[in-house]
C-alpha atoms as a PDB file:
ATOM      1  CA  UNK A   1      89.628 -22.372 -65.561  1.00  0.00           C
ATOM      2  CA  UNK A   2      86.631 -22.613 -67.879  1.00  0.00           C
ATOM      3  CA  UNK A   3      86.573 -22.690 -71.642  1.00  0.00           C
ATOM      4  CA  UNK A   4      85.217 -19.757 -73.586  1.00  0.00           C
ATOM      5  CA  UNK A   5      84.230 -19.486 -77.233  1.00  0.00           C
ATOM      6  CA  UNK A   6      84.635 -16.267 -79.172  1.00  0.00           C
ATOM      7  CA  UNK A   7      81.845 -17.113 -81.611  1.00  0.00           C
ATOM      8  CA  UNK A   8      78.367 -17.794 -80.305  1.00  0.00           C
ATOM      9  CA  UNK A   9      77.125 -19.075 -83.668  1.00  0.00           C
ATOM     10  CA  UNK A  10      76.775 -22.801 -84.280  1.00  0.00           C
ATOM     11  CA  UNK A  11      75.126 -24.944 -86.910  1.00  0.00           C
ATOM     12  CA  UNK A  12      73.527 -28.308 -86.360  1.00  0.00           C
ATOM     13  CA  UNK A  13      74.734 -30.201 -89.382  1.00  0.00           C
ATOM     14  CA  UNK A  14      73.028 -33.081 -91.125  1.00  0.00           C
ATOM     15  CA  UNK A  15      72.827 -35.997 -88.743  1.00  0.00           C
ATOM     16  CA  UNK A  16      75.355 -38.744 -89.444  1.00  0.00           C
ATOM     17  CA  UNK A  17      73.200 -41.793 -88.785  1.00  0.00           C
ATOM     18  CA  UNK A  18      75.833 -44.102 -90.265  1.00  0.00           C
ATOM     19  CA  UNK A  19      78.285 -42.875 -87.639  1.00  0.00           C
ATOM     20  CA  UNK A  20      77.935 -40.593 -84.632  1.00  0.00           C
ATOM     21  CA  UNK A  21      74.137 -40.412 -84.400  1.00  0.00           C
ATOM     22  CA  UNK A  22      73.735 -44.167 -84.772  1.00  0.00           C
ATOM     23  CA  UNK A  23      76.248 -44.676 -81.974  1.00  0.00           C
ATOM     24  CA  UNK A  24      74.431 -42.151 -79.758  1.00  0.00           C
ATOM     25  CA  UNK A  25      71.065 -43.779 -80.472  1.00  0.00           C
ATOM     26  CA  UNK A  26      72.439 -47.156 -79.402  1.00  0.00           C
ATOM     27  CA  UNK A  27      74.010 -45.687 -76.251  1.00  0.00           C
ATOM     28  CA  UNK A  28      70.645 -44.154 -75.298  1.00  0.00           C
ATOM     29  CA  UNK A  29      68.438 -46.832 -76.849  1.00  0.00           C
ATOM     30  CA  UNK A  30      66.017 -47.398 -73.986  1.00  0.00           C
ATOM     31  CA  UNK A  31      65.383 -43.670 -73.544  1.00  0.00           C
ATOM     32  CA  UNK A  32      65.004 -42.991 -77.282  1.00  0.00           C
ATOM     33  CA  UNK A  33      62.594 -45.878 -77.721  1.00  0.00           C
ATOM     34  CA  UNK A  34      60.662 -44.949 -74.593  1.00  0.00           C
ATOM     35  CA  UNK A  35      60.218 -41.394 -75.840  1.00  0.00           C
ATOM     36  CA  UNK A  36      58.713 -42.364 -79.197  1.00  0.00           C
ATOM     37  CA  UNK A  37      56.999 -45.591 -78.090  1.00  0.00           C
ATOM     38  CA  UNK A  38      53.479 -44.070 -77.989  1.00  0.00           C
ATOM     39  CA  UNK A  39      53.761 -42.981 -81.625  1.00  0.00           C
ATOM     40  CA  UNK A  40      55.255 -46.312 -82.645  1.00  0.00           C
ATOM     41  CA  UNK A  41      52.380 -48.162 -80.975  1.00  0.00           C
ATOM     42  CA  UNK A  42      49.838 -45.984 -82.794  1.00  0.00           C
ATOM     43  CA  UNK A  43      51.554 -46.606 -86.135  1.00  0.00           C
ATOM     44  CA  UNK A  44      51.727 -50.370 -85.553  1.00  0.00           C
ATOM     45  CA  UNK A  45      48.028 -50.452 -84.661  1.00  0.00           C
ATOM     46  CA  UNK A  46      47.193 -48.484 -87.801  1.00  0.00           C
ATOM     47  CA  UNK A  47      49.343 -50.784 -89.972  1.00  0.00           C
ATOM     48  CA  UNK A  48      47.555 -53.879 -88.599  1.00  0.00           C
ATOM     49  CA  UNK A  49      50.058 -56.436 -89.903  1.00  0.00           C
ATOM     50  CA  UNK A  50      48.728 -59.914 -90.636  1.00  0.00           C
ATOM     51  CA  UNK A  51      50.278 -63.407 -90.519  1.00  0.00           C
ATOM     52  CA  UNK A  52      52.116 -64.336 -93.698  1.00  0.00           C
ATOM     53  CA  UNK A  53      53.098 -60.813 -94.782  1.00  0.00           C
ATOM     54  CA  UNK A  54      56.665 -59.984 -95.827  1.00  0.00           C
ATOM     55  CA  UNK A  55      57.618 -56.556 -94.481  1.00  0.00           C
ATOM     56  CA  UNK A  56      60.445 -54.030 -94.777  1.00  0.00           C
ATOM     57  CA  UNK A  57      61.182 -51.867 -91.708  1.00  0.00           C
ATOM     58  CA  UNK A  58      63.151 -48.828 -92.922  1.00  0.00           C
ATOM     59  CA  UNK A  59      65.416 -46.941 -90.525  1.00  0.00           C
ATOM     60  CA  UNK A  60      64.652 -49.609 -87.958  1.00  0.00           C
ATOM     61  CA  UNK A  61      66.996 -48.196 -85.288  1.00  0.00           C
ATOM     62  CA  UNK A  62      67.306 -50.544 -82.339  1.00  0.00           C
ATOM     63  CA  UNK A  63      64.942 -53.121 -83.844  1.00  0.00           C
ATOM     64  CA  UNK A  64      62.032 -52.692 -81.436  1.00  0.00           C
ATOM     65  CA  UNK A  65      59.416 -52.141 -84.129  1.00  0.00           C
ATOM     66  CA  UNK A  66      61.000 -54.813 -86.323  1.00  0.00           C
ATOM     67  CA  UNK A  67      60.564 -57.416 -83.601  1.00  0.00           C
ATOM     68  CA  UNK A  68      56.958 -56.310 -83.017  1.00  0.00           C
ATOM     69  CA  UNK A  69      56.235 -56.686 -86.740  1.00  0.00           C
ATOM     70  CA  UNK A  70      57.910 -60.113 -86.845  1.00  0.00           C
ATOM     71  CA  UNK A  71      55.631 -61.314 -84.059  1.00  0.00           C
ATOM     72  CA  UNK A  72      52.567 -59.906 -85.843  1.00  0.00           C
ATOM     73  CA  UNK A  73      53.283 -61.570 -89.204  1.00  0.00           C
ATOM     74  CA  UNK A  74      54.084 -64.995 -87.724  1.00  0.00           C
ATOM     75  CA  UNK A  75      53.461 -67.677 -88.716  1.00  0.00           C
ATOM     76  CA  UNK A  76      54.490 -67.623 -92.339  1.00  0.00           C
ATOM     77  CA  UNK A  77      55.601 -64.014 -92.561  1.00  0.00           C
ATOM     78  CA  UNK A  78      58.985 -62.351 -92.201  1.00  0.00           C
ATOM     79  CA  UNK A  79      60.493 -58.910 -91.711  1.00  0.00           C
ATOM     80  CA  UNK A  80      63.716 -57.334 -92.910  1.00  0.00           C
ATOM     81  CA  UNK A  81      65.048 -54.385 -90.899  1.00  0.00           C
ATOM     82  CA  UNK A  82      67.258 -51.916 -92.762  1.00  0.00           C
ATOM     83  CA  UNK A  83      69.329 -49.238 -91.050  1.00  0.00           C
ATOM     84  CA  UNK A  84      72.330 -47.229 -92.179  1.00  0.00           C
ATOM     85  CA  UNK A  85      74.071 -47.612 -88.799  1.00  0.00           C
ATOM     86  CA  UNK A  86      76.306 -50.688 -88.498  1.00  0.00           C
ATOM     87  CA  UNK A  87      76.219 -50.380 -84.706  1.00  0.00           C
ATOM     88  CA  UNK A  88      72.432 -50.522 -84.641  1.00  0.00           C
ATOM     89  CA  UNK A  89      72.071 -53.408 -87.087  1.00  0.00           C
ATOM     90  CA  UNK A  90      74.566 -55.556 -85.168  1.00  0.00           C
ATOM     91  CA  UNK A  91      72.803 -54.765 -81.895  1.00  0.00           C
ATOM     92  CA  UNK A  92      69.350 -55.412 -83.380  1.00  0.00           C
ATOM     93  CA  UNK A  93      70.421 -58.800 -84.721  1.00  0.00           C
ATOM     94  CA  UNK A  94      71.567 -59.828 -81.247  1.00  0.00           C
ATOM     95  CA  UNK A  95      68.425 -58.389 -79.673  1.00  0.00           C
ATOM     96  CA  UNK A  96      66.167 -60.464 -81.944  1.00  0.00           C
ATOM     97  CA  UNK A  97      68.235 -63.574 -81.366  1.00  0.00           C
ATOM     98  CA  UNK A  98      68.108 -63.097 -77.594  1.00  0.00           C
ATOM     99  CA  UNK A  99      64.312 -62.723 -77.858  1.00  0.00           C
ATOM    100  CA  UNK A 100      64.058 -65.965 -79.838  1.00  0.00           C
ATOM    101  CA  UNK A 101      62.520 -64.256 -82.876  1.00  0.00           C
ATOM    102  CA  UNK A 102      63.464 -66.296 -85.931  1.00  0.00           C
ATOM    103  CA  UNK A 103      61.496 -64.727 -88.806  1.00  0.00           C
ATOM    104  CA  UNK A 104      63.622 -61.584 -88.856  1.00  0.00           C
ATOM    105  CA  UNK A 105      66.817 -60.278 -90.457  1.00  0.00           C
ATOM    106  CA  UNK A 106      68.742 -57.012 -90.305  1.00  0.00           C
ATOM    107  CA  UNK A 107      71.080 -55.465 -92.860  1.00  0.00           C
ATOM    108  CA  UNK A 108      73.174 -52.309 -92.799  1.00  0.00           C
ATOM    109  CA  UNK A 109      72.357 -50.346 -95.952  1.00  0.00           C
ATOM    110  CA  UNK A 110      71.030 -47.067 -97.321  1.00  0.00           C
ATOM    111  CA  UNK A 111      67.346 -47.762 -97.957  1.00  0.00           C
ATOM    112  CA  UNK A 112      67.325 -45.010-100.566  1.00  0.00           C
ATOM    113  CA  UNK A 113      69.499 -47.044-102.918  1.00  0.00           C
ATOM    114  CA  UNK A 114      69.599 -50.638-101.627  1.00  0.00           C
ATOM    115  CA  UNK A 115      68.714 -53.469-103.993  1.00  0.00           C
ATOM    116  CA  UNK A 116      67.269 -56.642-102.479  1.00  0.00           C
ATOM    117  CA  UNK A 117      67.433 -59.974-104.285  1.00  0.00           C
ATOM    118  CA  UNK A 118      64.413 -61.278-102.346  1.00  0.00           C
ATOM    119  CA  UNK A 119      62.148 -58.364-103.326  1.00  0.00           C
ATOM    120  CA  UNK A 120      59.312 -57.616-103.831  1.00  0.00           C
ATOM    121  CA  UNK A 121      57.867 -57.295-100.330  1.00  0.00           C
ATOM    122  CA  UNK A 122      54.212 -56.972 -99.285  1.00  0.00           C
ATOM    123  CA  UNK A 123      54.515 -54.042 -96.896  1.00  0.00           C
ATOM    124  CA  UNK A 124      56.857 -51.227 -95.823  1.00  0.00           C
ATOM    125  CA  UNK A 125      56.995 -49.593 -92.402  1.00  0.00           C
ATOM    126  CA  UNK A 126      59.074 -46.766 -90.957  1.00  0.00           C
ATOM    127  CA  UNK A 127      58.857 -45.048 -87.577  1.00  0.00           C
ATOM    128  CA  UNK A 128      60.782 -41.798 -88.061  1.00  0.00           C
ATOM    129  CA  UNK A 129      63.252 -43.376 -90.485  1.00  0.00           C
ATOM    130  CA  UNK A 130      62.168 -41.864 -93.808  1.00  0.00           C
ATOM    131  CA  UNK A 131      62.958 -38.139 -93.347  1.00  0.00           C
ATOM    132  CA  UNK A 132      66.739 -38.201 -93.754  1.00  0.00           C
ATOM    133  CA  UNK A 133      67.223 -39.124 -97.420  1.00  0.00           C
ATOM    134  CA  UNK A 134      69.513 -36.683 -99.225  1.00  0.00           C
ATOM    135  CA  UNK A 135      67.473 -37.223-102.415  1.00  0.00           C
ATOM    136  CA  UNK A 136      63.990 -38.172-101.184  1.00  0.00           C
ATOM    137  CA  UNK A 137      62.292 -38.327-104.588  1.00  0.00           C
ATOM    138  CA  UNK A 138      64.788 -40.904-105.851  1.00  0.00           C
ATOM    139  CA  UNK A 139      64.830 -42.699-102.512  1.00  0.00           C
ATOM    140  CA  UNK A 140      61.075 -43.230-102.482  1.00  0.00           C
ATOM    141  CA  UNK A 141      61.190 -44.433-106.086  1.00  0.00           C
ATOM    142  CA  UNK A 142      63.743 -47.009-104.942  1.00  0.00           C
ATOM    143  CA  UNK A 143      61.532 -48.052-102.042  1.00  0.00           C
ATOM    144  CA  UNK A 144      58.659 -48.480-104.504  1.00  0.00           C
ATOM    145  CA  UNK A 145      60.841 -50.811-106.588  1.00  0.00           C
ATOM    146  CA  UNK A 146      61.228 -53.115-103.576  1.00  0.00           C
ATOM    147  CA  UNK A 147      57.463 -53.603-103.188  1.00  0.00           C
ATOM    148  CA  UNK A 148      54.844 -55.567-105.073  1.00  0.00           C
ATOM    149  CA  UNK A 149      52.018 -53.708-106.851  1.00  0.00           C
ATOM    150  CA  UNK A 150      49.395 -52.398-104.404  1.00  0.00           C
ATOM    151  CA  UNK A 151      51.747 -52.913-101.457  1.00  0.00           C
ATOM    152  CA  UNK A 152      51.016 -50.602 -98.532  1.00  0.00           C
ATOM    153  CA  UNK A 153      53.468 -48.340 -96.767  1.00  0.00           C
ATOM    154  CA  UNK A 154      53.003 -46.964 -93.241  1.00  0.00           C
ATOM    155  CA  UNK A 155      55.203 -44.120 -92.033  1.00  0.00           C
ATOM    156  CA  UNK A 156      55.451 -41.891 -88.977  1.00  0.00           C
ATOM    157  CA  UNK A 157      57.063 -38.481 -89.563  1.00  0.00           C
ATOM    158  CA  UNK A 158      57.185 -35.434 -87.316  1.00  0.00           C
ATOM    159  CA  UNK A 159      54.611 -32.684 -87.804  1.00  0.00           C
ATOM    160  CA  UNK A 160      55.838 -29.038 -87.715  1.00  0.00           C
ATOM    161  CA  UNK A 161      58.147 -28.010 -84.851  1.00  0.00           C
ATOM    162  CA  UNK A 162      55.567 -25.446 -83.645  1.00  0.00           C
ATOM    163  CA  UNK A 163      53.281 -28.388 -82.835  1.00  0.00           C
ATOM    164  CA  UNK A 164      56.043 -30.234 -80.984  1.00  0.00           C
ATOM    165  CA  UNK A 165      56.526 -28.277 -77.798  1.00  0.00           C
ATOM    166  CA  UNK A 166      59.156 -30.738 -76.542  1.00  0.00           C
ATOM    167  CA  UNK A 167      61.339 -29.499 -79.397  1.00  0.00           C
ATOM    168  CA  UNK A 168      60.274 -25.838 -79.509  1.00  0.00           C
ATOM    169  CA  UNK A 169      60.728 -25.150 -75.802  1.00  0.00           C
ATOM    170  CA  UNK A 170      63.992 -27.069 -75.660  1.00  0.00           C
ATOM    171  CA  UNK A 171      65.364 -25.154 -78.666  1.00  0.00           C
ATOM    172  CA  UNK A 172      64.155 -21.907 -77.135  1.00  0.00           C
ATOM    173  CA  UNK A 173      66.465 -22.533 -74.176  1.00  0.00           C
ATOM    174  CA  UNK A 174      69.393 -23.543 -76.367  1.00  0.00           C
ATOM    175  CA  UNK A 175      69.035 -20.519 -78.670  1.00  0.00           C
ATOM    176  CA  UNK A 176      69.379 -18.185 -75.689  1.00  0.00           C
ATOM    177  CA  UNK A 177      72.953 -19.446 -75.415  1.00  0.00           C
ATOM    178  CA  UNK A 178      74.036 -20.249 -78.963  1.00  0.00           C
ATOM    179  CA  UNK A 179      72.861 -18.928 -82.314  1.00  0.00           C
ATOM    180  CA  UNK A 180      71.472 -21.853 -84.270  1.00  0.00           C
ATOM    181  CA  UNK A 181      69.955 -20.905 -87.632  1.00  0.00           C
ATOM    182  CA  UNK A 182      66.466 -22.261 -88.320  1.00  0.00           C
ATOM    183  CA  UNK A 183      66.271 -25.519 -90.229  1.00  0.00           C
ATOM    184  CA  UNK A 184      65.929 -25.174 -93.993  1.00  0.00           C
ATOM    185  CA  UNK A 185      62.391 -26.151 -95.046  1.00  0.00           C
ATOM    186  CA  UNK A 186      62.189 -29.544 -96.757  1.00  0.00           C
ATOM    187  CA  UNK A 187      65.865 -30.280 -96.070  1.00  0.00           C
ATOM    188  CA  UNK A 188      66.735 -33.772 -94.795  1.00  0.00           C
ATOM    189  CA  UNK A 189      66.189 -33.960 -91.047  1.00  0.00           C
ATOM    190  CA  UNK A 190      63.574 -34.733 -88.395  1.00  0.00           C
ATOM    191  CA  UNK A 191      61.079 -32.225 -89.801  1.00  0.00           C
ATOM    192  CA  UNK A 192      61.677 -32.775 -93.521  1.00  0.00           C
ATOM    193  CA  UNK A 193      58.049 -33.819 -94.047  1.00  0.00           C
ATOM    194  CA  UNK A 194      56.315 -31.358 -91.739  1.00  0.00           C
ATOM    195  CA  UNK A 195      54.788 -29.819 -94.902  1.00  0.00           C
ATOM    196  CA  UNK A 196      52.115 -32.230 -96.139  1.00  0.00           C
ATOM    197  CA  UNK A 197      52.164 -30.723 -99.613  1.00  0.00           C
ATOM    198  CA  UNK A 198      55.839 -31.632 -99.919  1.00  0.00           C
ATOM    199  CA  UNK A 199      55.264 -35.073 -98.412  1.00  0.00           C
ATOM    200  CA  UNK A 200      52.566 -35.801-100.985  1.00  0.00           C
ATOM    201  CA  UNK A 201      54.868 -34.541-103.748  1.00  0.00           C
ATOM    202  CA  UNK A 202      57.611 -36.963-102.698  1.00  0.00           C
ATOM    203  CA  UNK A 203      55.172 -39.875-102.424  1.00  0.00           C
ATOM    204  CA  UNK A 204      53.730 -39.181-105.868  1.00  0.00           C
ATOM    205  CA  UNK A 205      57.168 -38.803-107.454  1.00  0.00           C
ATOM    206  CA  UNK A 206      58.154 -42.123-105.921  1.00  0.00           C
ATOM    207  CA  UNK A 207      55.195 -43.908-107.479  1.00  0.00           C
ATOM    208  CA  UNK A 208      52.881 -44.062-104.473  1.00  0.00           C
ATOM    209  CA  UNK A 209      49.198 -43.170-104.527  1.00  0.00           C
ATOM    210  CA  UNK A 210      46.092 -42.952-102.332  1.00  0.00           C
ATOM    211  CA  UNK A 211      47.822 -41.212 -99.417  1.00  0.00           C
ATOM    212  CA  UNK A 212      45.931 -41.342 -96.137  1.00  0.00           C
ATOM    213  CA  UNK A 213      47.379 -39.056 -93.471  1.00  0.00           C
ATOM    214  CA  UNK A 214      46.175 -38.646 -89.910  1.00  0.00           C
ATOM    215  CA  UNK A 215      47.548 -36.553 -87.077  1.00  0.00           C
ATOM    216  CA  UNK A 216      48.783 -38.130 -83.874  1.00  0.00           C
ATOM    217  CA  UNK A 217      49.012 -35.842 -80.854  1.00  0.00           C
ATOM    218  CA  UNK A 218      50.057 -36.788 -77.369  1.00  0.00           C
ATOM    219  CA  UNK A 219      52.476 -36.259 -74.538  1.00  0.00           C
ATOM    220  CA  UNK A 220      56.081 -37.293 -75.255  1.00  0.00           C
ATOM    221  CA  UNK A 221      58.091 -38.612 -72.290  1.00  0.00           C
ATOM    222  CA  UNK A 222      61.339 -36.713 -72.874  1.00  0.00           C
ATOM    223  CA  UNK A 223      64.210 -39.005 -71.959  1.00  0.00           C
ATOM    224  CA  UNK A 224      61.887 -42.008 -71.696  1.00  0.00           C
ATOM    225  CA  UNK A 225      59.100 -43.116 -69.413  1.00  0.00           C
ATOM    226  CA  UNK A 226      59.736 -42.240 -65.780  1.00  0.00           C
ATOM    227  CA  UNK A 227      62.766 -40.031 -66.429  1.00  0.00           C
ATOM    228  CA  UNK A 228      63.506 -37.347 -63.848  1.00  0.00           C
ATOM    229  CA  UNK A 229      64.079 -33.783 -65.002  1.00  0.00           C
ATOM    230  CA  UNK A 230      67.839 -34.275 -64.560  1.00  0.00           C
ATOM    231  CA  UNK A 231      67.766 -37.528 -66.524  1.00  0.00           C
ATOM    232  CA  UNK A 232      65.900 -35.770 -69.328  1.00  0.00           C
ATOM    233  CA  UNK A 233      68.557 -33.034 -69.417  1.00  0.00           C
ATOM    234  CA  UNK A 234      71.349 -35.604 -69.515  1.00  0.00           C
ATOM    235  CA  UNK A 235      69.575 -37.461 -72.318  1.00  0.00           C
ATOM    236  CA  UNK A 236      69.160 -34.337 -74.446  1.00  0.00           C
ATOM    237  CA  UNK A 237      72.734 -33.130 -73.986  1.00  0.00           C
ATOM    238  CA  UNK A 238      74.348 -36.529 -74.530  1.00  0.00           C
ATOM    239  CA  UNK A 239      72.260 -37.823 -77.421  1.00  0.00           C
ATOM    240  CA  UNK A 240      71.008 -34.866 -79.465  1.00  0.00           C
ATOM    241  CA  UNK A 241      72.898 -32.481 -81.720  1.00  0.00           C
ATOM    242  CA  UNK A 242      72.166 -29.512 -79.430  1.00  0.00           C
ATOM    243  CA  UNK A 243      74.531 -30.976 -76.843  1.00  0.00           C
ATOM    244  CA  UNK A 244      77.439 -30.766 -79.246  1.00  0.00           C
ATOM    245  CA  UNK A 245      76.453 -27.227 -80.254  1.00  0.00           C
ATOM    246  CA  UNK A 246      76.535 -26.137 -76.595  1.00  0.00           C
ATOM    247  CA  UNK A 247      79.841 -27.914 -75.957  1.00  0.00           C
ATOM    248  CA  UNK A 248      81.401 -25.801 -78.702  1.00  0.00           C
ATOM    249  CA  UNK A 249      80.590 -22.665 -76.676  1.00  0.00           C
ATOM    250  CA  UNK A 250      82.492 -23.696 -73.570  1.00  0.00           C
ATOM    251  CA  UNK A 251      81.663 -25.007 -70.125  1.00  0.00           C
ATOM    252  CA  UNK A 252      80.093 -21.791 -68.779  1.00  0.00           C
ATOM    253  CA  UNK A 253      77.582 -21.653 -71.617  1.00  0.00           C
ATOM    254  CA  UNK A 254      76.769 -25.331 -71.356  1.00  0.00           C
ATOM    255  CA  UNK A 255      76.274 -25.095 -67.591  1.00  0.00           C
ATOM    256  CA  UNK A 256      73.917 -22.120 -67.955  1.00  0.00           C
ATOM    257  CA  UNK A 257      71.863 -23.876 -70.627  1.00  0.00           C
ATOM    258  CA  UNK A 258      71.798 -27.072 -68.566  1.00  0.00           C
ATOM    259  CA  UNK A 259      70.371 -25.165 -65.611  1.00  0.00           C
ATOM    260  CA  UNK A 260      67.604 -23.633 -67.727  1.00  0.00           C
ATOM    261  CA  UNK A 261      66.766 -26.987 -69.303  1.00  0.00           C
ATOM    262  CA  UNK A 262      66.488 -28.465 -65.823  1.00  0.00           C
ATOM    263  CA  UNK A 263      63.999 -25.735 -64.852  1.00  0.00           C
ATOM    264  CA  UNK A 264      62.006 -26.317 -68.050  1.00  0.00           C
ATOM    265  CA  UNK A 265      61.789 -30.076 -67.632  1.00  0.00           C
ATOM    266  CA  UNK A 266      60.987 -29.798 -63.924  1.00  0.00           C
ATOM    267  CA  UNK A 267      57.877 -27.785 -64.849  1.00  0.00           C
ATOM    268  CA  UNK A 268      56.693 -30.617 -67.079  1.00  0.00           C
ATOM    269  CA  UNK A 269      57.591 -33.503 -64.783  1.00  0.00           C
ATOM    270  CA  UNK A 270      54.704 -35.782 -63.814  1.00  0.00           C
ATOM    271  CA  UNK A 271      55.313 -38.275 -60.991  1.00  0.00           C
ATOM    272  CA  UNK A 272      55.541 -41.888 -62.203  1.00  0.00           C
ATOM    273  CA  UNK A 273      55.331 -40.751 -65.829  1.00  0.00           C
ATOM    274  CA  UNK A 274      58.324 -38.553 -66.538  1.00  0.00           C
ATOM    275  CA  UNK A 275      58.873 -35.254 -68.324  1.00  0.00           C
ATOM    276  CA  UNK A 276      55.704 -35.053 -70.418  1.00  0.00           C
ATOM    277  CA  UNK A 277      55.606 -32.526 -73.261  1.00  0.00           C
ATOM    278  CA  UNK A 278      53.320 -32.094 -76.248  1.00  0.00           C
ATOM    279  CA  UNK A 279      54.232 -33.872 -79.475  1.00  0.00           C
ATOM    280  CA  UNK A 280      52.615 -34.273 -82.883  1.00  0.00           C
ATOM    281  CA  UNK A 281      53.348 -36.595 -85.782  1.00  0.00           C
ATOM    282  CA  UNK A 282      51.820 -37.506 -89.116  1.00  0.00           C
ATOM    283  CA  UNK A 283      50.838 -41.152 -89.544  1.00  0.00           C
ATOM    284  CA  UNK A 284      50.996 -41.801 -93.261  1.00  0.00           C
ATOM    285  CA  UNK A 285      49.685 -44.666 -95.370  1.00  0.00           C
ATOM    286  CA  UNK A 286      49.894 -45.017 -99.168  1.00  0.00           C
ATOM    287  CA  UNK A 287      49.769 -47.636-101.902  1.00  0.00           C
ATOM    288  CA  UNK A 288      52.547 -48.707-104.251  1.00  0.00           C
END
C-alpha cells in the first residue's frame, strides 16, 4: 500500500544549517563540493591570497576552501573557518588535521553575530555562505567589525534562478507534483542576493565600499563530477529541501517526480563529466 497526501501544497522553509541541512551537507560532502568546485576555484583565483594574510572563511562548509586558503597564505598567514553547523566544523577540523595543515582553525558560530578576540583580520572569503543571514544588514556590519580598515572581502552568491537552469529545470519537475510557492525576493536563502541593487544596499549598510561584481557562468555538475543521472537524482532527493517536500506527498508522487528527474538529468549527462547544467553566480569583491 502506498502513502497518499490530501494536500499537494508544500513550503520549503528556511534552511536549518545549524541542524538538518548541515548534517545533509556533510553526508553528501563530496558531491556538494564537486558541484560548486568550478565557482569556488574562480573565486579563489580572483581573491589571489598572499603569504602572511590572516583570513576569515565564512560559511566554510566542509572546509575545502578553508584548506586551500591556508595553503595560499602560508608561510606566516592563517585562516579561521566559521560555520553554524557543529557537524561540519568538527569534520573540517579533522579534515585539516589529516591533511597536515597547521595554520588553520574552525569554530562553530553564527558569523552574523560572532565576536573574535583575535580580530581584526586582513581578508574575508565566502563561497555561498553569506546569503542565509536572517538580518543581513546587521550581519554584514558585524563582519566589517572583524576586519581591519581597507580589508578586502570576496564572496560568491547565486545569480537569479532564471540564469541557473540546474535549479529552474529541476524545480519545474518538482512543481508538477507539489505546489511550492516562489521564494520571497530578498529573503534569506540561496538566491537572497540575486538582485545586485539589494546586494549593494546590504554591503553599503554594513560599511563596505568599492564593490566590484563580475558574473561567472558555466556548467554545473549536478551531484558532482562524473555523477550518473541516477546518482544526480539521488543526490537531489537526499540532500536538498525538495526531497523532503516530495516525501510529504507520498510514495506515488515521489516516484513520479523521481522518474521525471531521471529523464531530465539523462538529457544533460555528458560521458566522463556528469550531469552538466547551466549555472551563474556573482563573484563579489569590496573593501572594508
